[in-house]
Amino acid sequence: MEENQTRKVIIMSLAGLLIGSLLFIFGISMQESNLPLIVNYVIAILLYLSSFLAVYNHYKKQKQAIFVYIMFLSLLFIIIVSIALTTHLL
């Protein structure tokens, strides 16, 4: 039962990272206005943070290296998306 819960947390957190990235890519591809970009950025950051927090809460229960890796990926995505937003707006 514990293995299924671990697998579910990993899949859901990676899905959150994927959906957040796709939303941000969609927002940055729209050239007319900055409003869709900012809205998609906020949604992407919220997805990244919720993914990070889900993995972190599960990491407190069960110390595994995959959770640290996914938390690192979440932080890396937040940094990359933030840099892309600032360069696009400037």
Protein backbone atom coordinates (compact mmCIF):
# COMPACT_ATOMS: atom_id res chain seq x y z
CA MET A 1 0.00 0.00 0.00
CA GLU A 2 2.84 2.38 0.84
CA GLU A 3 4.48 1.71 -2.54
CA ASN A 4 1.29 2.70 -4.37
CA GLN A 5 1.10 5.96 -2.40
CA THR A 6 4.73 6.74 -3.23
CA ARG A 7 4.15 6.04 -6.91
CA LYS A 8 1.04 8.23 -6.90
CA VAL A 9 2.90 11.16 -5.31
CA ILE A 10 5.76 10.89 -7.82
CA ILE A 11 3.45 10.70 -10.84
CA MET A 12 1.24 13.56 -9.67
CA SER A 13 4.20 15.83 -8.91
CA LEU A 14 5.79 15.17 -12.30
CA ALA A 15 2.42 15.77 -13.96
CA GLY A 16 2.19 19.11 -12.15
CA LEU A 17 5.62 20.07 -13.44
CA LEU A 18 4.65 19.08 -16.97
CA ILE A 19 1.32 20.94 -16.98
CA GLY A 20 2.91 24.04 -15.47
CA SER A 21 5.64 24.02 -18.10
CA LEU A 22 3.18 23.58 -20.94
CA LEU A 23 1.01 26.42 -19.66
CA PHE A 24 3.99 28.73 -19.41
CA ILE A 25 5.18 27.80 -22.90
CA PHE A 26 1.69 28.55 -24.21
CA GLY A 27 1.71 31.91 -22.43
CA ILE A 28 5.14 32.91 -23.71
CA SER A 29 4.20 31.99 -27.28
CA MET A 30 1.39 34.58 -27.31
CA GLN A 31 2.96 37.79 -28.60
CA GLU A 32 0.03 40.24 -28.48
CA SER A 33 -0.20 40.95 -24.77
CA ASN A 34 1.67 40.31 -21.55
CA LEU A 35 -1.47 39.50 -19.54
CA PRO A 36 -1.78 35.84 -20.69
CA LEU A 37 1.92 35.38 -19.98
CA ILE A 38 1.61 36.70 -16.43
CA VAL A 39 -1.55 34.64 -15.74
CA ASN A 40 0.08 31.47 -17.05
CA TYR A 41 3.23 32.27 -15.06
CA VAL A 42 1.23 32.53 -11.83
CA ILE A 43 -0.59 29.26 -12.56
CA ALA A 44 2.70 27.53 -13.41
CA ILE A 45 4.36 28.76 -10.21
CA LEU A 46 1.39 27.56 -8.16
CA LEU A 47 1.61 24.13 -9.80
CA TYR A 48 5.35 23.98 -9.16
CA LEU A 49 4.92 24.95 -5.52
CA SER A 50 2.11 22.48 -4.92
CA SER A 51 4.21 19.75 -6.54
CA PHE A 52 7.15 20.69 -4.33
CA LEU A 53 5.03 20.70 -1.17
CA ALA A 54 3.42 17.34 -1.96
CA VAL A 55 6.81 15.73 -2.43
CA TYR A 56 8.24 17.47 0.63
CA ASN A 57 5.41 16.26 2.86
CA HIS A 58 5.90 12.72 1.61
CA TYR A 59 9.67 13.05 2.04
CA LYS A 60 9.17 13.82 5.74
CA LYS A 61 7.43 10.45 6.12
CA GLN A 62 9.72 8.42 3.91
CA LYS A 63 13.33 9.46 3.19
CA GLN A 64 14.06 8.53 -0.42
CA ALA A 65 16.44 10.09 -2.92
CA ILE A 66 13.79 10.39 -5.65
CA PHE A 67 11.90 12.91 -3.54
CA VAL A 68 14.97 15.12 -3.19
CA TYR A 69 15.48 14.92 -6.96
CA ILE A 70 11.89 15.97 -7.68
CA MET A 71 12.12 18.84 -5.18
CA PHE A 72 15.30 19.98 -6.92
CA LEU A 73 13.53 19.80 -10.29
CA SER A 74 10.65 21.90 -8.94
CA LEU A 75 13.03 24.60 -7.73
CA LEU A 76 14.95 24.49 -11.01
CA PHE A 77 11.73 24.96 -12.98
CA ILE A 78 10.74 27.91 -10.79
CA ILE A 79 14.10 29.56 -11.44
CA ILE A 80 14.02 28.93 -15.20
CA VAL A 81 10.46 30.16 -15.62
CA SER A 82 11.15 33.27 -13.55
CA ILE A 83 14.23 34.12 -15.61
CA ALA A 84 12.28 33.56 -18.84
CA LEU A 85 9.49 35.85 -17.64
CA THR A 86 11.84 38.67 -16.67
CA THR A 87 13.77 38.47 -19.96
CA HIS A 88 10.55 38.43 -21.97
CA LEU A 89 9.07 41.42 -20.15
CA LEU A 90 12.25 43.49 -20.44
